[in-house]
Structure formats: C-alpha cells, structure tokens
Amino acid sequence: MFPLLFFTFLDLIIIANDPGNIWGLLVPPLAFGILVAVFTAINMGEVVSRRMLYVNSNTSMFGLTLLYVINRFTTSFAGLTTTLIVWYYMEDIVRFFAKASSTA
C-alpha cells in the first residue's frame, strides 16, 4: 500500500507544478492499473495454486483475491508511474548528472 500512496503523492506534486501533466502522468497508470486489477480478478483461478484447494486451508478465496488484486494494481501503477516520470524528465536527469560529474 505504501508504493501506491508514495507514487500518487509524487504524481500530485508533479501535476501541481505543471497541471498539463495530468493526462500523461496520472491517467495512463490509473487506467493500466485498473485493467491489470480487472484481468487479475477475472483470471484468479489460473493464479491460485493447488495448495489453496486443500480442505485444511485456512485462507478465504475472497481475502486472497482481494489482496492479490490490490497488489497487482499497486505494482502496475507504481511501475508505470516510475517509467513515465523517468521518460518525461530524462533530459533533466541527464543534465543534472552531467553537471554534477563535471563539478566533481
């Protein structure tokens, strides 16, 4: 849950500085994360191992499905957000490290 909060906060900071970034930094990760979560929920039967089907398993399928769907949404949202931030600001990142290495 921490990566979701962290990357949402990071997105909001970047969007607050330049509101035009909302369509490039917030909407694609949200849409992709929702698609991944829906796909995961639909295909949960393919994910569950045979150990979950044993009689003495103490885990409810709803709880397992919910936690796994939240995990996949968070992972895909954080990964795509990181990729987009690095892609949008790559020139600034390279310029920063070039400047830092030239002064050392």
Protein backbone atom coordinates (compact mmCIF):
# COMPACT_ATOMS: atom_id res chain seq x y z
CA MET A 1 0.00 0.00 0.00
CA PHE A 2 2.94 2.33 0.63
CA PRO A 3 4.07 2.38 -3.05
CA LEU A 4 0.57 3.37 -4.13
CA LEU A 5 0.46 6.27 -1.69
CA PHE A 6 4.02 7.33 -2.47
CA PHE A 7 3.60 7.38 -6.25
CA THR A 8 0.18 9.02 -6.06
CA PHE A 9 1.68 11.76 -3.87
CA LEU A 10 4.63 12.10 -6.28
CA ASP A 11 2.24 12.38 -9.23
CA LEU A 12 0.20 15.03 -7.45
CA ILE A 13 3.31 17.09 -6.68
CA ILE A 14 4.43 16.98 -10.31
CA ILE A 15 0.90 17.77 -11.56
CA ALA A 16 0.61 20.68 -9.10
CA ASN A 17 3.75 22.21 -10.61
CA ASP A 18 2.51 21.67 -14.18
CA PRO A 19 -1.22 20.80 -14.49
CA GLY A 20 -0.71 19.75 -18.12
CA ASN A 21 1.00 16.58 -16.91
CA ILE A 22 -2.23 15.08 -15.56
CA TRP A 23 -3.01 13.35 -18.86
CA GLY A 24 0.49 11.96 -19.17
CA LEU A 25 1.38 11.01 -15.61
CA LEU A 26 -1.81 10.14 -13.76
CA VAL A 27 -4.36 8.85 -16.25
CA PRO A 28 -2.27 6.14 -18.01
CA PRO A 29 -1.06 4.48 -14.77
CA LEU A 30 -4.58 4.56 -13.32
CA ALA A 31 -6.12 3.08 -16.47
CA PHE A 32 -3.40 0.44 -16.75
CA GLY A 33 -3.65 -0.42 -13.06
CA ILE A 34 -7.41 -0.83 -13.29
CA LEU A 35 -7.06 -3.06 -16.37
CA VAL A 36 -4.48 -5.22 -14.60
CA ALA A 37 -6.68 -5.46 -11.49
CA VAL A 38 -9.75 -6.49 -13.51
CA PHE A 39 -7.74 -9.03 -15.51
CA THR A 40 -6.30 -10.45 -12.29
CA ALA A 41 -9.71 -10.72 -10.64
CA ILE A 42 -11.21 -12.44 -13.68
CA ASN A 43 -8.34 -14.91 -14.04
CA MET A 44 -7.74 -15.59 -10.36
CA GLY A 45 -8.43 -19.28 -10.89
CA GLU A 46 -5.29 -19.52 -13.00
CA VAL A 47 -3.20 -17.88 -10.29
CA VAL A 48 -4.31 -19.93 -7.29
CA SER A 49 -2.06 -22.89 -6.59
CA ARG A 50 -3.35 -26.34 -5.72
CA ARG A 51 -2.40 -25.77 -2.08
CA MET A 52 -5.28 -23.31 -1.80
CA LEU A 53 -7.74 -26.02 -2.80
CA TYR A 54 -6.91 -28.34 0.10
CA VAL A 55 -9.59 -28.78 2.71
CA ASN A 56 -7.47 -27.67 5.65
CA SER A 57 -6.52 -24.36 4.03
CA ASN A 58 -7.33 -21.53 6.39
CA THR A 59 -7.48 -18.76 3.76
CA SER A 60 -10.69 -17.45 2.24
CA MET A 61 -10.68 -17.06 -1.53
CA PHE A 62 -12.23 -13.59 -1.31
CA GLY A 63 -9.49 -12.32 1.00
CA LEU A 64 -6.76 -13.84 -1.12
CA THR A 65 -8.25 -12.48 -4.34
CA LEU A 66 -8.69 -9.01 -2.88
CA LEU A 67 -5.13 -8.83 -1.56
CA TYR A 68 -3.67 -10.13 -4.81
CA VAL A 69 -5.72 -7.72 -6.95
CA ILE A 70 -4.63 -4.78 -4.77
CA ASN A 71 -1.03 -5.97 -5.02
CA ARG A 72 -1.16 -6.18 -8.83
CA PHE A 73 -2.84 -2.76 -9.11
CA THR A 74 -0.25 -1.16 -6.83
CA THR A 75 2.66 -2.79 -8.63
CA SER A 76 1.47 -1.84 -12.11
CA PHE A 77 0.58 1.73 -11.04
CA ALA A 78 3.96 2.28 -9.37
CA GLY A 79 5.91 0.72 -12.23
CA LEU A 80 4.21 2.70 -14.98
CA THR A 81 4.37 5.93 -12.97
CA THR A 82 8.11 5.48 -12.44
CA THR A 83 8.63 4.75 -16.13
CA LEU A 84 6.66 7.82 -17.22
CA ILE A 85 8.38 10.14 -14.75
CA VAL A 86 11.81 8.98 -15.89
CA TRP A 87 10.76 9.24 -19.54
CA TYR A 88 9.34 12.76 -19.17
CA TYR A 89 12.27 14.08 -17.16
CA MET A 90 15.15 12.11 -18.75
CA GLU A 91 16.71 15.22 -20.26
CA ASP A 92 16.69 16.99 -16.88
CA ILE A 93 18.10 13.90 -15.16
CA VAL A 94 20.94 13.58 -17.67
CA ARG A 95 21.67 17.32 -17.43
CA PHE A 96 21.74 17.10 -13.62
CA PHE A 97 24.17 14.17 -13.56
CA ALA A 98 26.35 15.74 -16.26
CA LYS A 99 26.56 18.94 -14.26
CA ALA A 100 27.26 17.01 -11.04
CA SER A 101 30.03 14.96 -12.65
CA SER A 102 31.67 18.00 -14.25
CA THR A 103 31.93 19.84 -10.93
CA ALA A 104 33.49 16.88 -9.10
